[in-house]
């Protein structure tokens, strides 16, 4: 099976050399990763079961959206296709150095967020991790974030663990979201959508790079909030971003709301203590909505 999809990938890339070398980089959370060497050309290749081809296609489209913005370097997609039971996405190979979550990325992210749309959402659905992400366009940010983000994750959580405090308080939170976001001016900025420290790096030149996006147009603070969820970003990153575009008052509360989406998603994907964390965050938000 490996030989079949690897041959198909090489053929569709259109490599000029017949001398190819595949290096297995190990499995990621949701699939495999490889380094492909074709003569002097190199590619990073992600694989999934063929049933997840659309997931890879949406990821490639997200990278193209970020490429068009031209604000931050991203690996350019080469080929996204399938062969037999394997789906694959070949990307430009980039040699990463250490760090990359510093002032240069902060300034670049502010520039990326200056790319805006008239509505919230995106032209196609994609995934956050392996979870489907609904990007149907909406004219109202509070409605979009309530219905396309929090409500979807709460529905998945209810299937995982029906009843209980998470479900009950989650329903109350859905009703409170318009109040929590009232009065906040929200441009529909182009977002990376999954900007934790594992999706950012830099080249040896110091140029920042971002990858593995879950692209959509939304409140820019949603990207900033996620950088704080798991840490790993330097003080200079935030200082450079705020120097280019300060955040609005009330950000700390919205940060909790926006990160709840990712915590719920982690609960739905991995379980563990994420359910308790989500319940604590919901309680904090409900207390502020009174």
Protein backbone atom coordinates (compact mmCIF):
# COMPACT_ATOMS: atom_id res chain seq x y z
CA UNK A 1 0.00 0.00 0.00
CA UNK A 2 2.83 2.41 0.86
CA UNK A 3 4.46 1.93 -2.53
CA UNK A 4 1.17 2.70 -4.31
CA UNK A 5 0.43 6.04 -2.65
CA UNK A 6 4.07 7.09 -2.62
CA UNK A 7 4.37 6.47 -6.35
CA UNK A 8 1.14 8.42 -6.91
CA UNK A 9 2.44 11.34 -4.82
CA UNK A 10 5.71 11.52 -6.75
CA UNK A 11 3.86 11.35 -10.08
CA UNK A 12 1.43 14.12 -9.16
CA UNK A 13 4.16 16.36 -7.79
CA UNK A 14 5.78 16.08 -11.19
CA UNK A 15 9.27 15.47 -9.82
CA UNK A 16 12.01 15.74 -12.43
CA UNK A 17 14.19 13.11 -10.76
CA UNK A 18 13.43 9.40 -10.59
CA UNK A 19 15.70 9.09 -7.55
CA UNK A 20 13.34 9.44 -4.58
CA UNK A 21 13.78 8.85 -0.88
CA UNK A 22 11.04 8.64 1.72
CA UNK A 23 11.89 9.28 5.38
CA UNK A 24 9.21 8.36 7.92
CA UNK A 25 8.93 11.19 10.46
CA UNK A 26 6.48 9.27 12.61
CA UNK A 27 2.77 9.52 13.16
CA UNK A 28 1.19 12.77 14.21
CA UNK A 29 -1.92 13.02 16.36
CA UNK A 30 -4.23 12.30 13.44
CA UNK A 31 -2.04 10.75 10.72
CA UNK A 32 1.45 10.07 9.38
CA UNK A 33 4.21 12.48 8.32
CA UNK A 34 7.05 11.99 5.85
CA UNK A 35 9.98 13.78 4.23
CA UNK A 36 10.19 13.18 0.50
CA UNK A 37 13.43 13.84 -1.35
CA UNK A 38 13.27 13.96 -5.15
CA UNK A 39 16.71 14.80 -6.43
CA UNK A 40 17.37 18.27 -5.04
CA UNK A 41 13.72 18.93 -4.14
CA UNK A 42 12.24 18.20 -0.72
CA UNK A 43 8.64 17.99 0.49
CA UNK A 44 6.82 17.51 3.77
CA UNK A 45 4.05 14.96 3.25
CA UNK A 46 1.08 14.38 5.55
CA UNK A 47 -1.05 11.25 5.23
CA UNK A 48 -4.53 10.32 6.37
CA UNK A 49 -7.07 7.61 5.67
CA UNK A 50 -8.74 8.29 2.34
CA UNK A 51 -11.98 9.10 4.19
CA UNK A 52 -10.22 12.24 5.47
CA UNK A 53 -9.15 13.58 2.08
CA UNK A 54 -11.47 16.59 2.49
CA UNK A 55 -9.71 17.43 5.76
CA UNK A 56 -6.35 17.64 3.96
CA UNK A 57 -7.89 19.58 1.05
CA UNK A 58 -9.33 22.17 3.44
CA UNK A 59 -5.95 22.47 5.16
CA UNK A 60 -4.27 23.07 1.80
CA UNK A 61 -6.88 25.72 0.94
CA UNK A 62 -6.24 27.40 4.29
CA UNK A 63 -2.52 27.59 3.55
CA UNK A 64 -3.29 29.12 0.14
CA UNK A 65 -5.49 31.74 1.84
CA UNK A 66 -2.62 32.65 4.15
CA UNK A 67 -0.19 32.67 1.22
CA UNK A 68 -2.35 35.20 -0.62
CA UNK A 69 -2.34 37.45 2.44
CA UNK A 70 1.46 37.58 2.31
CA UNK A 71 1.77 38.61 5.97
CA UNK A 72 3.56 35.54 7.41
CA UNK A 73 5.47 32.74 5.71
CA UNK A 74 3.60 29.45 5.36
CA UNK A 75 4.63 26.22 3.60
CA UNK A 76 3.19 26.24 0.09
CA UNK A 77 0.97 23.26 -0.82
CA UNK A 78 2.13 21.23 -3.79
CA UNK A 79 -0.28 18.29 -4.20
CA UNK A 80 -3.32 17.02 -2.31
CA UNK A 81 -4.78 13.77 -3.61
CA UNK A 82 -5.36 10.10 -2.77
CA UNK A 83 -4.31 6.66 -3.91
CA UNK A 84 -6.02 3.52 -2.71
CA UNK A 85 -6.83 3.86 0.97
CA UNK A 86 -4.39 6.74 1.58
CA UNK A 87 -4.92 10.50 1.25
CA UNK A 88 -1.84 12.71 1.14
CA UNK A 89 -0.84 16.37 1.16
CA UNK A 90 2.63 17.39 -0.03
CA UNK A 91 3.96 20.76 1.15
CA UNK A 92 7.07 22.80 0.55
CA UNK A 93 9.80 21.60 2.92
CA UNK A 94 11.05 24.32 5.27
CA UNK A 95 14.04 23.95 7.61
CA UNK A 96 13.01 25.29 11.00
CA UNK A 97 15.29 26.76 13.64
CA UNK A 98 14.41 27.22 17.30
CA UNK A 99 11.86 29.70 18.60
CA UNK A 100 9.86 31.81 16.20
CA UNK A 101 7.15 32.94 18.60
CA UNK A 102 8.63 36.37 19.17
CA UNK A 103 8.33 39.97 17.99
CA UNK A 104 8.59 39.18 14.27
CA UNK A 105 5.61 36.83 14.50
CA UNK A 106 3.63 39.28 16.62
CA UNK A 107 4.05 42.05 14.04
CA UNK A 108 3.24 39.62 11.22
CA UNK A 109 0.10 38.39 12.95
CA UNK A 110 -1.18 41.94 13.35
CA UNK A 111 -0.58 42.43 9.61
CA UNK A 112 -2.44 39.19 8.83
CA UNK A 113 -5.40 40.36 10.90
CA UNK A 114 -5.62 43.53 8.79
CA UNK A 115 -6.92 41.30 5.99
CA UNK A 116 -10.68 41.42 6.48
CA UNK A 117 -13.95 40.23 4.97
CA UNK A 118 -17.47 41.65 5.06
CA UNK A 119 -18.81 38.69 7.04
CA UNK A 120 -17.68 36.07 9.53
CA UNK A 121 -16.83 32.57 8.35
CA UNK A 122 -15.07 31.24 5.27
CA UNK A 123 -15.81 29.91 1.81
CA UNK A 124 -15.60 26.28 2.95
CA UNK A 125 -15.77 24.23 6.12
CA UNK A 126 -12.58 22.76 7.54
CA UNK A 127 -11.45 21.05 10.74
CA UNK A 128 -10.06 22.03 14.12
CA UNK A 129 -7.81 19.09 14.86
CA UNK A 130 -9.92 16.25 13.52
CA UNK A 131 -13.23 17.90 14.46
CA UNK A 132 -15.40 19.37 11.67
CA UNK A 133 -15.50 23.18 11.83
CA UNK A 134 -18.57 24.92 10.39
CA UNK A 135 -17.62 28.15 8.61
CA UNK A 136 -21.00 29.08 7.13
CA UNK A 137 -21.04 32.86 6.63
CA UNK A 138 -22.79 35.06 9.19
CA UNK A 139 -23.31 38.82 9.43
CA UNK A 140 -23.10 38.81 13.23
CA UNK A 141 -20.04 37.73 15.20
CA UNK A 142 -21.85 36.76 18.41
CA UNK A 143 -24.27 34.60 16.42
CA UNK A 144 -21.42 33.02 14.47
CA UNK A 145 -19.34 32.21 17.52
CA UNK A 146 -22.33 30.91 19.49
CA UNK A 147 -23.82 28.75 16.74
CA UNK A 148 -20.80 27.69 14.67
CA UNK A 149 -18.30 27.28 17.48
CA UNK A 150 -19.54 26.82 21.07
CA UNK A 151 -22.90 25.20 20.28
CA UNK A 152 -21.25 22.65 17.96
CA UNK A 153 -18.70 21.63 20.57
CA UNK A 154 -21.34 21.43 23.32
CA UNK A 155 -23.43 19.15 21.09
CA UNK A 156 -20.44 16.83 20.64
CA UNK A 157 -19.75 16.91 24.38
CA UNK A 158 -23.36 15.96 25.09
CA UNK A 159 -22.93 12.83 22.97
CA UNK A 160 -19.71 11.99 24.77
CA UNK A 161 -21.16 12.53 28.25
CA UNK A 162 -24.90 13.28 28.19
CA UNK A 163 -26.50 15.24 31.01
CA UNK A 164 -24.60 16.77 33.89
CA UNK A 165 -23.31 20.20 34.70
CA UNK A 166 -21.38 20.77 31.48
CA UNK A 167 -24.49 20.34 29.37
CA UNK A 168 -26.78 22.34 31.67
CA UNK A 169 -24.40 25.27 32.15
CA UNK A 170 -23.45 25.13 28.48
CA UNK A 171 -27.05 25.81 27.49
CA UNK A 172 -27.11 28.82 29.81
CA UNK A 173 -23.86 30.07 28.30
CA UNK A 174 -25.27 29.93 24.76
CA UNK A 175 -28.00 32.32 25.82
CA UNK A 176 -25.43 34.62 27.46
CA UNK A 177 -22.91 34.88 24.59
CA UNK A 178 -24.60 37.89 22.89
CA UNK A 179 -24.38 39.75 26.22
CA UNK A 180 -20.73 38.76 26.75
CA UNK A 181 -19.80 40.07 23.31
CA UNK A 182 -22.05 43.15 23.35
CA UNK A 183 -20.34 46.44 22.52
CA UNK A 184 -17.16 44.87 21.18
CA UNK A 185 -16.19 46.18 17.72
CA UNK A 186 -15.19 43.10 15.76
CA UNK A 187 -13.64 43.31 12.31
CA UNK A 188 -13.86 40.01 10.42
CA UNK A 189 -10.10 39.39 10.32
CA UNK A 190 -8.34 36.56 8.55
CA UNK A 191 -7.39 34.11 11.31
CA UNK A 192 -4.97 31.21 11.47
CA UNK A 193 -7.60 29.59 13.68
CA UNK A 194 -5.39 27.09 15.57
CA UNK A 195 -2.43 29.19 16.68
CA UNK A 196 -0.86 27.25 19.55
CA UNK A 197 2.92 27.12 19.96
CA UNK A 198 3.20 23.82 18.04
CA UNK A 199 1.94 25.52 14.86
CA UNK A 200 4.53 28.29 14.76
CA UNK A 201 8.29 28.24 14.16
CA UNK A 202 10.96 30.20 12.32
CA UNK A 203 13.54 29.70 9.61
CA UNK A 204 17.27 29.96 10.25
CA UNK A 205 17.01 33.52 8.85
CA UNK A 206 14.68 34.41 11.74
CA UNK A 207 11.61 34.67 9.49
CA UNK A 208 8.50 33.36 11.33
CA UNK A 209 6.43 30.54 9.87
CA UNK A 210 2.92 29.31 10.71
CA UNK A 211 1.27 26.11 9.52
CA UNK A 212 -1.58 23.62 10.15
CA UNK A 213 -4.25 26.36 10.08
CA UNK A 214 -8.00 26.15 10.69
CA UNK A 215 -8.65 29.32 8.69
CA UNK A 216 -11.72 31.55 8.91
CA UNK A 217 -12.61 35.24 9.24
CA UNK A 218 -13.47 36.26 12.79
CA UNK A 219 -12.47 38.37 15.78
CA UNK A 220 -8.67 38.74 15.74
CA UNK A 221 -8.63 38.26 19.51
CA UNK A 222 -9.55 34.60 18.98
CA UNK A 223 -6.07 34.00 17.53
CA UNK A 224 -4.40 35.96 20.31
CA UNK A 225 -6.39 34.09 22.95
CA UNK A 226 -5.21 30.70 21.72
CA UNK A 227 -1.57 31.75 21.89
CA UNK A 228 -2.13 32.12 25.64
CA UNK A 229 -3.98 28.83 26.16
CA UNK A 230 -0.90 26.57 26.26
CA UNK A 231 1.83 29.24 26.52
CA UNK A 232 5.08 29.14 24.57
CA UNK A 233 4.95 32.65 23.08
CA UNK A 234 7.46 35.26 24.21
CA UNK A 235 6.63 38.59 25.84
CA UNK A 236 8.05 40.31 22.74
CA UNK A 237 5.41 38.59 20.60
CA UNK A 238 2.58 40.27 22.54
CA UNK A 239 4.40 43.59 22.80
CA UNK A 240 4.94 43.72 19.03
CA UNK A 241 1.34 42.77 18.30
CA UNK A 242 -0.08 45.39 20.66
CA UNK A 243 2.29 48.04 19.31
CA UNK A 244 0.86 47.37 15.85
CA UNK A 245 -2.76 46.94 16.95
CA UNK A 246 -3.79 47.24 20.63
CA UNK A 247 -6.51 44.93 21.92
CA UNK A 248 -9.81 46.36 23.14
CA UNK A 249 -10.86 46.62 26.77
CA UNK A 250 -12.53 43.49 28.09
CA UNK A 251 -10.14 41.18 26.24
CA UNK A 252 -9.44 38.99 29.29
CA UNK A 253 -13.10 37.93 29.46
CA UNK A 254 -13.35 37.30 25.73
CA UNK A 255 -10.11 35.31 25.93
CA UNK A 256 -11.85 32.87 28.27
CA UNK A 257 -14.81 32.56 25.91
CA UNK A 258 -12.69 32.09 22.79
CA UNK A 259 -10.42 29.53 24.46
CA UNK A 260 -13.43 27.60 25.71
CA UNK A 261 -13.94 26.53 22.11
CA UNK A 262 -10.53 24.86 22.04
CA UNK A 263 -10.85 23.35 25.53
CA UNK A 264 -14.20 21.82 24.58
CA UNK A 265 -12.64 20.51 21.38
CA UNK A 266 -9.81 18.90 23.37
CA UNK A 267 -12.38 17.34 25.67
CA UNK A 268 -14.25 15.92 22.69
CA UNK A 269 -11.05 14.60 21.12
CA UNK A 270 -9.06 13.47 24.15
CA UNK A 271 -11.28 13.52 27.25
CA UNK A 272 -9.30 13.69 30.47
CA UNK A 273 -9.28 16.84 32.58
CA UNK A 274 -10.45 19.09 29.76
CA UNK A 275 -14.06 18.56 30.85
CA UNK A 276 -13.34 19.99 34.30
CA UNK A 277 -11.46 22.91 32.77
CA UNK A 278 -14.39 23.63 30.45
CA UNK A 279 -16.84 23.61 33.35
CA UNK A 280 -14.67 26.06 35.30
CA UNK A 281 -14.43 28.40 32.30
CA UNK A 282 -18.19 28.30 31.74
CA UNK A 283 -18.80 29.13 35.40
CA UNK A 284 -16.48 32.15 35.11
CA UNK A 285 -18.31 33.38 32.00
CA UNK A 286 -21.75 32.90 33.53
CA UNK A 287 -20.70 34.86 36.62
CA UNK A 288 -19.68 37.78 34.38
CA UNK A 289 -22.95 37.63 32.44
CA UNK A 290 -25.17 38.21 35.47
